[in-house]
Amino acid sequence: MPAATPVLLVSDHVAGAVYLLTVPDGAVAGRLTGRHLSEHAGFLALPGGRVACVDDRRGELLVLDPFAEQLVERTVPVAVPAEHLACDPSGRRLAVTTGLGKNSEPWSDLLTVVDLATGEAARVRTRAGEPGVTVLGGGDPLVVLRHREPGALAVHRFADLLGAPPGCPRVVPHAVLALPDDGHGDAYVPGPELVFAATSEGVHRARRTGDALTAEAVVPWGSSARGWYLRFDTRRQALWTTLRGGDPDPLRWPEWSNQAWRHELGTGRTLLTELGPGLVFRLALARRHTAFSRIHPDGDELILLDADGAARRFPLPGMDGAPRRGGTPWEGVQRRAVAASPSSDWIAVTRGGHGEVHIVDAETGQEAARPRLSTPLHHGGHLVLRVRNDGADGDPVGR
């Protein structure tokens, strides 16, 4: 497949299917079956257009190359259920944390580290919870776990973890930096070696100093709401999230407020854009736009923000089984996933339960194709859009 061709990987994690589509025509160029990918750990962009993800049923890390003749480049056994996935800036060293899976509370404390260059892997025990993870580069890479209750950034040397003896021994962090107890959302900016963690107080920032972290000023939300998710925008050198406000009761989800939050790392400026009520979660970063999908009983839409924060809105057809008033937006309902590449103007957004993917030109807002796949894309599925050398691997945290 030509290097400049955008491709889309689409996961139906319930049905156990992964599709490879060409963009913008939506033609199916490949398919994996029996692969139930972790929607929570998501897709991790690796150099050369490759992608890492975790098969939660088989307990395997998958390295996929959508531009090669064989889609699956490598598999490595890892502990599951996968909670978060990250790599160092080189894409060589990866870490997979475990968490809830289909359980009501965290029960697993296993962490897996993998060196793709040597094929080595090791599992250790850390602390049960829902830990986020970042992997810092350099001569001695570090694994930073973001824990909750009590909140902390726990720093481990990658080499120590990889060299752990068999039997999943318990490990003690080399250094610890305190956080509030409600952290959720992680980002890492490789150049200045900055780690970010989202809490109700704002975005906590820490800089690598040797084999430890030094706390820096907290970035305020600038709103009464908070973000639960962070993304590093490699093209615009900014952090993004969606601020969710209102009564946290899931039954009140149609009334939740949503704001796009962008913090420019160079200027320190923070921009807020109103997105409207309902369910907005993950976002996607295209060449000149940032894409959000908004679900609401009165109608769904795709929202595209340009570089100045101006929003354009495009209605999306409703979903059978969509979240309804009086119910929650999480249990047994259909949702949407959205994907983009920092070197492309194409946006993809799913129609959960219908097996459809809308492929949209962000410049014009026009839909180029709407492929219908052979499985329903339960819960909206999950997506990643890549161009071979698009720079998406500059964000080394799974999404």
Protein backbone atom coordinates (compact mmCIF):
# COMPACT_ATOMS: atom_id res chain seq x y z
CA MET A 1 0.00 0.00 0.00
CA PRO A 2 1.48 3.44 -0.90
CA ALA A 3 3.00 5.34 2.01
CA ALA A 4 0.81 8.39 1.45
CA THR A 5 -2.43 6.36 1.51
CA PRO A 6 -4.44 6.97 4.70
CA VAL A 7 -5.69 3.75 6.29
CA LEU A 8 -8.22 3.08 9.00
CA LEU A 9 -8.18 0.25 11.54
CA VAL A 10 -11.64 -0.44 12.93
CA SER A 11 -12.16 -2.72 15.94
CA ASP A 12 -15.42 -4.37 16.95
CA HIS A 13 -14.13 -5.52 20.32
CA VAL A 14 -17.34 -7.36 21.20
CA ALA A 15 -17.61 -9.32 17.94
CA GLY A 16 -13.86 -9.94 17.86
CA ALA A 17 -13.18 -8.39 14.45
CA VAL A 18 -10.58 -5.89 13.25
CA TYR A 19 -10.97 -4.33 9.80
CA LEU A 20 -8.41 -2.54 7.64
CA LEU A 21 -10.01 0.10 5.40
CA THR A 22 -8.49 2.38 2.82
CA VAL A 23 -9.39 6.07 3.03
CA PRO A 24 -11.38 7.82 1.67
CA ASP A 25 -13.19 5.10 -0.29
CA GLY A 26 -13.76 2.88 2.76
CA ALA A 27 -12.80 -0.31 0.92
CA VAL A 28 -11.98 -3.27 3.16
CA ALA A 29 -8.33 -4.23 2.50
CA GLY A 30 -7.92 -6.76 5.31
CA ARG A 31 -9.56 -8.32 8.33
CA LEU A 32 -8.66 -10.16 11.53
CA THR A 33 -11.12 -12.43 13.30
CA GLY A 34 -11.10 -13.75 16.85
CA ARG A 35 -9.38 -10.58 18.09
CA HIS A 36 -11.16 -8.83 20.97
CA LEU A 37 -9.16 -5.64 21.41
CA SER A 38 -9.19 -3.64 24.64
CA GLU A 39 -11.28 -0.55 23.93
CA HIS A 40 -10.05 1.09 27.14
CA ALA A 41 -6.33 0.67 26.38
CA GLY A 42 -7.06 1.74 22.80
CA PHE A 43 -4.62 2.05 19.91
CA LEU A 44 -1.02 3.22 20.32
CA ALA A 45 0.70 4.84 17.32
CA LEU A 46 4.19 3.46 16.64
CA PRO A 47 6.80 4.73 14.15
CA GLY A 48 6.36 3.86 10.48
CA GLY A 49 2.58 3.85 10.58
CA ARG A 50 2.42 0.79 12.83
CA VAL A 51 -0.06 0.41 15.68
CA ALA A 52 0.01 -1.45 19.01
CA CYS A 53 -3.08 -2.73 20.83
CA VAL A 54 -4.04 -5.49 23.27
CA ASP A 55 -6.19 -8.53 22.65
CA ASP A 56 -8.00 -8.77 25.98
CA ARG A 57 -9.28 -12.28 25.36
CA ARG A 58 -6.04 -13.93 24.25
CA GLY A 59 -3.83 -11.87 26.54
CA GLU A 60 -1.56 -10.63 23.76
CA LEU A 61 -0.02 -7.36 22.71
CA LEU A 62 -0.46 -6.97 18.95
CA VAL A 63 1.82 -4.91 16.73
CA LEU A 64 -0.04 -4.21 13.50
CA ASP A 65 1.47 -2.83 10.28
CA PRO A 66 -1.41 -1.73 8.02
CA PHE A 67 1.05 -0.93 5.22
CA ALA A 68 2.68 -4.37 5.10
CA GLU A 69 1.56 -7.51 3.31
CA GLN A 70 0.87 -9.17 6.67
CA LEU A 71 -1.19 -7.05 9.04
CA VAL A 72 0.08 -8.70 12.24
CA GLU A 73 3.78 -7.95 12.64
CA ARG A 74 4.24 -9.41 16.13
CA THR A 75 2.41 -10.75 19.18
CA VAL A 76 3.69 -10.74 22.77
CA PRO A 77 1.87 -12.28 25.78
CA VAL A 78 0.79 -9.63 28.32
CA ALA A 79 -1.35 -9.51 31.46
CA VAL A 80 -5.00 -8.53 31.00
CA PRO A 81 -7.52 -6.92 31.36
CA ALA A 82 -5.56 -4.11 29.72
CA GLU A 83 -6.23 -0.73 31.25
CA HIS A 84 -3.66 1.57 29.64
CA LEU A 85 -0.91 1.22 27.04
CA ALA A 86 2.11 3.42 26.35
CA CYS A 87 5.60 3.36 24.83
CA ASP A 88 8.81 5.34 24.96
CA PRO A 89 9.43 7.91 22.18
CA SER A 90 11.36 5.36 20.10
CA GLY A 91 8.41 2.96 20.05
CA ARG A 92 10.64 0.17 21.27
CA ARG A 93 9.71 -0.15 24.95
CA LEU A 94 6.07 -0.62 25.91
CA ALA A 95 4.10 -0.93 29.13
CA VAL A 96 0.61 -2.35 29.69
CA THR A 97 -1.29 -1.82 32.96
CA THR A 98 -4.28 -3.85 34.15
CA GLY A 99 -7.45 -2.72 35.88
CA LEU A 100 -11.15 -3.52 35.98
CA GLY A 101 -12.10 -5.33 32.80
CA LYS A 102 -15.71 -6.49 33.23
CA ASN A 103 -15.53 -6.14 37.01
CA SER A 104 -17.10 -3.53 39.24
CA GLU A 105 -13.86 -2.67 41.04
CA PRO A 106 -10.13 -2.98 40.32
CA TRP A 107 -8.68 -6.38 41.13
CA SER A 108 -5.46 -6.83 39.15
CA ASP A 109 -2.12 -5.28 40.05
CA LEU A 110 -0.09 -6.70 37.15
CA LEU A 111 2.09 -4.56 34.91
CA THR A 112 3.75 -5.93 31.75
CA VAL A 113 6.78 -4.35 30.10
CA VAL A 114 7.97 -5.32 26.62
CA ASP A 115 11.11 -4.60 24.60
CA LEU A 116 10.14 -5.01 20.95
CA ALA A 117 13.78 -4.94 19.79
CA THR A 118 14.83 -7.97 21.85
CA GLY A 119 11.49 -9.70 22.33
CA GLU A 120 11.93 -9.65 26.09
CA ALA A 121 8.90 -9.21 28.34
CA ALA A 122 8.30 -9.30 32.09
CA ARG A 123 5.33 -9.07 34.44
CA VAL A 124 5.45 -7.53 37.90
CA ARG A 125 2.96 -6.58 40.61
CA THR A 126 2.44 -2.94 41.47
CA ARG A 127 -0.82 -1.79 43.04
CA ALA A 128 -4.42 -2.68 42.26
CA GLY A 129 -6.36 0.20 40.76
CA GLU A 130 -6.83 1.79 37.36
CA PRO A 131 -3.29 3.00 36.73
CA GLY A 132 -2.43 5.25 33.84
CA VAL A 133 1.04 4.87 32.36
CA THR A 134 3.67 6.82 30.46
CA VAL A 135 7.10 5.59 29.37
CA LEU A 136 9.81 8.22 29.39
CA GLY A 137 12.71 7.91 26.96
CA GLY A 138 16.40 8.60 27.26
CA GLY A 139 19.40 6.44 28.12
CA ASP A 140 17.55 4.93 31.08
CA PRO A 141 13.84 4.85 30.25
CA LEU A 142 11.37 5.26 33.08
CA VAL A 143 7.87 3.85 33.54
CA VAL A 144 5.57 6.29 35.35
CA LEU A 145 2.35 4.88 36.80
CA ARG A 146 -0.46 7.26 37.70
CA HIS A 147 -2.30 5.78 40.69
CA ARG A 148 -5.52 6.79 42.44
CA GLU A 149 -6.69 6.58 46.06
CA PRO A 150 -4.09 7.44 47.20
CA GLY A 151 -3.04 9.46 44.21
CA ALA A 152 0.58 9.31 43.09
CA LEU A 153 2.95 9.29 40.15
CA ALA A 154 5.11 6.23 40.82
CA VAL A 155 8.43 6.12 38.95
CA HIS A 156 10.10 2.81 37.99
CA ARG A 157 13.24 2.17 35.96
CA PHE A 158 12.29 0.24 32.83
CA ALA A 159 15.46 -1.87 33.03
CA ASP A 160 14.62 -2.94 36.59
CA LEU A 161 11.13 -4.02 35.57
CA LEU A 162 12.33 -5.89 32.49
CA GLY A 163 14.98 -7.65 34.57
CA ALA A 164 12.53 -8.82 37.25
CA PRO A 165 12.61 -12.56 38.03
CA PRO A 166 9.70 -14.81 37.03
CA GLY A 167 6.69 -15.23 39.27
CA CYS A 168 5.33 -11.67 38.98
CA PRO A 169 7.20 -10.20 41.98
CA ARG A 170 5.97 -7.08 43.71
CA VAL A 171 8.00 -3.98 42.84
CA VAL A 172 8.54 -0.78 44.76
CA PRO A 173 8.76 2.54 42.87
CA HIS A 174 12.12 4.23 42.65
CA ALA A 175 10.49 7.61 43.31
CA VAL A 176 6.99 8.88 44.11
CA LEU A 177 5.29 12.23 43.48
CA ALA A 178 1.99 12.88 45.27
CA LEU A 179 -1.23 13.58 43.33
CA PRO A 180 -4.87 14.13 44.30
CA ASP A 181 -6.85 10.91 44.59
CA ASP A 182 -9.05 11.44 41.52
CA GLY A 183 -6.52 11.38 38.70
CA HIS A 184 -7.79 10.20 35.32
CA GLY A 185 -6.06 11.12 32.07
CA ASP A 186 -2.37 11.03 31.13
CA ALA A 187 -0.07 12.67 28.61
CA TYR A 188 3.67 12.79 27.98
CA VAL A 189 5.59 15.34 25.89
CA PRO A 190 8.94 13.75 24.95
CA GLY A 191 11.03 16.83 24.06
CA PRO A 192 10.91 18.65 27.41
CA GLU A 193 10.27 15.34 29.27
CA LEU A 194 6.99 16.53 30.75
CA VAL A 195 4.37 14.23 32.29
CA PHE A 196 0.78 15.44 32.72
CA ALA A 197 -2.06 13.99 34.81
CA ALA A 198 -5.65 15.25 34.89
CA THR A 199 -7.37 15.68 38.28
CA SER A 200 -10.29 17.74 39.58
CA GLU A 201 -7.77 20.46 40.53
CA GLY A 202 -6.47 20.81 36.98
CA VAL A 203 -3.65 19.27 34.95
CA HIS A 204 -0.72 18.35 37.17
CA ARG A 205 2.62 18.79 35.47
CA ALA A 206 5.93 17.09 36.35
CA ARG A 207 9.33 17.28 34.69
CA ARG A 208 11.87 14.48 34.61
CA THR A 209 14.95 15.20 36.69
CA GLY A 210 17.31 12.25 36.48
CA ASP A 211 15.43 9.16 37.62
CA ALA A 212 12.67 11.11 39.37
CA LEU A 213 9.99 13.71 38.71
CA THR A 214 9.80 17.29 39.92
CA ALA A 215 6.37 18.88 40.27
CA GLU A 216 5.66 22.08 38.34
CA ALA A 217 2.71 24.48 38.42
CA VAL A 218 -0.74 22.97 37.96
CA VAL A 219 -2.55 24.07 34.78
CA PRO A 220 -6.06 25.18 35.85
CA TRP A 221 -9.12 24.08 33.93
CA GLY A 222 -10.47 27.61 33.80
CA SER A 223 -13.93 26.16 34.30
CA SER A 224 -16.05 24.57 37.00
CA ALA A 225 -15.92 21.34 34.97
CA ARG A 226 -12.98 18.96 34.61
CA GLY A 227 -11.34 16.74 32.01
CA TRP A 228 -11.06 12.96 32.24
CA TYR A 229 -8.83 12.39 29.25
CA LEU A 230 -5.71 14.06 27.87
CA ARG A 231 -4.17 14.08 24.43
CA PHE A 232 -0.91 15.59 23.23
CA ASP A 233 -1.33 17.40 19.92
CA THR A 234 1.99 16.87 18.14
CA ARG A 235 1.26 19.31 15.32
CA ARG A 236 0.08 22.25 17.43
CA GLN A 237 2.15 21.40 20.56
CA ALA A 238 -0.88 21.54 22.81
CA LEU A 239 -2.86 19.45 25.28
CA TRP A 240 -6.51 18.66 24.58
CA THR A 241 -9.42 17.25 26.52
CA THR A 242 -13.18 17.61 26.93
CA LEU A 243 -14.38 19.21 30.16
CA ARG A 244 -17.52 17.54 31.50
CA GLY A 245 -19.71 19.46 33.94
CA GLY A 246 -23.04 19.19 35.68
CA ASP A 247 -24.57 16.60 37.99
CA PRO A 248 -22.26 13.55 37.81
CA ASP A 249 -25.20 11.14 38.11
CA PRO A 250 -25.02 9.03 34.89
CA LEU A 251 -28.81 9.22 34.62
CA ARG A 252 -28.43 12.99 34.10
CA TRP A 253 -26.10 12.55 31.15
CA PRO A 254 -28.28 14.48 28.63
CA GLU A 255 -27.70 17.55 30.81
CA TRP A 256 -23.92 17.21 31.07
CA SER A 257 -22.09 20.26 29.75
CA ASN A 258 -19.10 19.81 27.45
CA GLN A 259 -16.27 22.17 26.59
CA ALA A 260 -13.29 21.59 24.33
CA TRP A 261 -10.17 22.49 26.33
CA ARG A 262 -6.90 23.33 24.56
CA HIS A 263 -3.75 24.37 26.41
CA GLU A 264 -0.91 25.66 24.25
CA LEU A 265 2.40 24.51 25.69
CA GLY A 266 4.44 27.28 24.10
CA THR A 267 2.32 30.25 25.16
CA GLY A 268 0.61 28.82 28.23
CA ARG A 269 -2.70 30.01 26.80
CA THR A 270 -5.86 27.96 27.43
CA LEU A 271 -8.84 28.08 25.07
CA LEU A 272 -12.36 26.84 25.87
CA THR A 273 -15.06 26.13 23.27
CA GLU A 274 -18.64 25.15 24.10
CA LEU A 275 -19.63 21.85 22.49
CA GLY A 276 -23.16 21.42 23.81
CA PRO A 277 -24.92 19.05 26.21
CA GLY A 278 -24.84 15.25 26.23
CA LEU A 279 -22.03 12.70 25.93
CA VAL A 280 -18.69 13.83 24.46
CA PHE A 281 -15.57 11.87 25.29
CA ARG A 282 -12.59 11.04 23.12
CA LEU A 283 -11.44 13.41 20.39
CA ALA A 284 -9.34 13.08 17.24
CA LEU A 285 -6.62 15.35 15.87
CA ALA A 286 -6.48 15.97 12.12
CA ARG A 287 -4.13 18.22 10.14
CA ARG A 288 -6.05 21.45 10.69
CA HIS A 289 -9.02 20.38 12.80
CA THR A 290 -9.97 18.66 16.04
CA ALA A 291 -12.97 16.34 15.86
CA PHE A 292 -15.55 15.46 18.52
CA SER A 293 -18.71 13.38 18.36
CA ARG A 294 -21.62 14.48 20.56
CA ILE A 295 -24.45 12.11 21.49
CA HIS A 296 -27.77 13.52 22.70
CA PRO A 297 -31.40 12.35 22.64
CA ASP A 298 -32.29 15.37 20.51
CA GLY A 299 -29.73 14.44 17.84
CA ASP A 300 -26.08 13.50 17.40
CA GLU A 301 -23.44 15.51 15.60
CA LEU A 302 -19.84 15.62 14.47
CA ILE A 303 -18.12 18.82 15.66
CA LEU A 304 -14.99 20.13 13.93
CA LEU A 305 -12.91 22.89 15.53
CA ASP A 306 -10.43 24.82 13.42
CA ALA A 307 -7.15 26.36 14.61
CA ASP A 308 -8.97 29.47 15.88
CA GLY A 309 -11.48 27.45 17.89
CA ALA A 310 -14.39 28.09 15.53
CA ALA A 311 -16.82 25.15 15.48
CA ARG A 312 -18.68 23.63 12.56
CA ARG A 313 -21.41 21.08 13.28
CA PHE A 314 -22.68 18.26 11.11
CA PRO A 315 -25.68 16.09 12.04
CA LEU A 316 -25.17 12.33 12.29
CA PRO A 317 -27.93 9.76 11.75
CA GLY A 318 -29.30 8.30 14.96
CA MET A 319 -28.33 4.93 16.38
CA ASP A 320 -30.70 2.13 17.29
CA GLY A 321 -29.89 1.35 20.93
CA ALA A 322 -28.42 4.81 21.57
CA PRO A 323 -28.38 6.13 25.16
CA ARG A 324 -31.81 7.41 26.18
CA ARG A 325 -33.19 9.77 28.79
CA GLY A 326 -33.62 7.92 32.08
CA GLY A 327 -30.76 5.51 31.35
CA THR A 328 -26.98 5.73 31.56
CA PRO A 329 -24.64 6.33 28.59
CA TRP A 330 -22.43 3.36 29.53
CA GLU A 331 -24.32 0.11 30.07
CA GLY A 332 -25.69 -1.83 27.11
CA VAL A 333 -25.95 1.13 24.73
CA GLN A 334 -24.40 2.15 21.44
CA ARG A 335 -21.87 4.95 21.14
CA ARG A 336 -19.47 6.47 18.63
CA ALA A 337 -15.72 6.42 18.11
CA VAL A 338 -13.79 9.06 16.17
CA ALA A 339 -10.35 8.99 14.51
CA ALA A 340 -8.02 11.22 12.48
CA SER A 341 -4.36 11.59 11.52
CA PRO A 342 -2.23 14.72 12.11
CA SER A 343 -1.12 14.66 8.45
CA SER A 344 -4.56 14.16 6.89
CA ASP A 345 -7.84 16.04 6.57
CA TRP A 346 -9.98 12.89 6.78
CA ILE A 347 -12.12 12.19 9.83
CA ALA A 348 -13.79 8.86 10.63
CA VAL A 349 -16.68 8.43 13.07
CA THR A 350 -18.65 5.25 13.77
CA ARG A 351 -22.36 4.53 14.07
CA GLY A 352 -22.46 1.93 16.82
CA GLY A 353 -24.84 -0.98 16.35
CA HIS A 354 -25.13 -0.37 12.60
CA GLY A 355 -21.60 -1.36 11.55
CA GLU A 356 -21.20 1.94 9.70
CA VAL A 357 -18.25 4.32 9.49
CA HIS A 358 -18.68 7.89 8.23
CA ILE A 359 -15.55 9.09 6.38
CA VAL A 360 -15.68 12.89 6.25
CA ASP A 361 -13.48 15.58 4.68
CA ALA A 362 -12.74 18.02 7.51
CA GLU A 363 -12.10 20.83 5.02
CA THR A 364 -15.55 20.66 3.43
CA GLY A 365 -17.60 18.66 5.91
CA GLN A 366 -18.66 16.39 3.07
CA GLU A 367 -19.02 12.65 3.62
CA ALA A 368 -16.88 10.75 1.10
CA ALA A 369 -17.98 7.24 2.01
CA ARG A 370 -20.04 5.32 4.53
CA PRO A 371 -18.86 1.70 4.50
CA ARG A 372 -21.03 -0.86 6.28
CA LEU A 373 -19.00 -3.63 7.89
CA SER A 374 -20.07 -7.21 8.55
CA THR A 375 -20.31 -6.78 12.34
CA PRO A 376 -22.35 -4.16 14.23
CA LEU A 377 -19.47 -2.23 15.86
CA HIS A 378 -20.93 -2.79 19.30
CA HIS A 379 -20.56 0.16 21.71
CA GLY A 380 -19.24 2.17 18.78
CA GLY A 381 -16.12 0.07 18.35
CA HIS A 382 -12.76 1.80 18.27
CA LEU A 383 -10.71 3.41 15.48
CA VAL A 384 -7.27 4.62 14.50
CA LEU A 385 -6.41 6.45 11.27
CA ARG A 386 -2.79 6.42 10.10
CA VAL A 387 -0.61 7.69 7.30
CA ARG A 388 2.77 5.96 7.27
CA ASN A 389 4.89 8.91 8.46
CA ASP A 390 2.22 11.16 9.95
CA GLY A 391 3.98 11.93 13.24
CA ALA A 392 1.16 10.47 15.34
CA ASP A 393 3.76 8.41 17.21
CA GLY A 394 4.93 11.69 18.75
CA ASP A 395 2.10 11.05 21.23
CA PRO A 396 3.34 7.85 22.92
CA VAL A 397 0.19 7.08 24.95
CA GLY A 398 -2.53 4.71 23.77
CA ARG A 399 -5.88 6.30 22.84
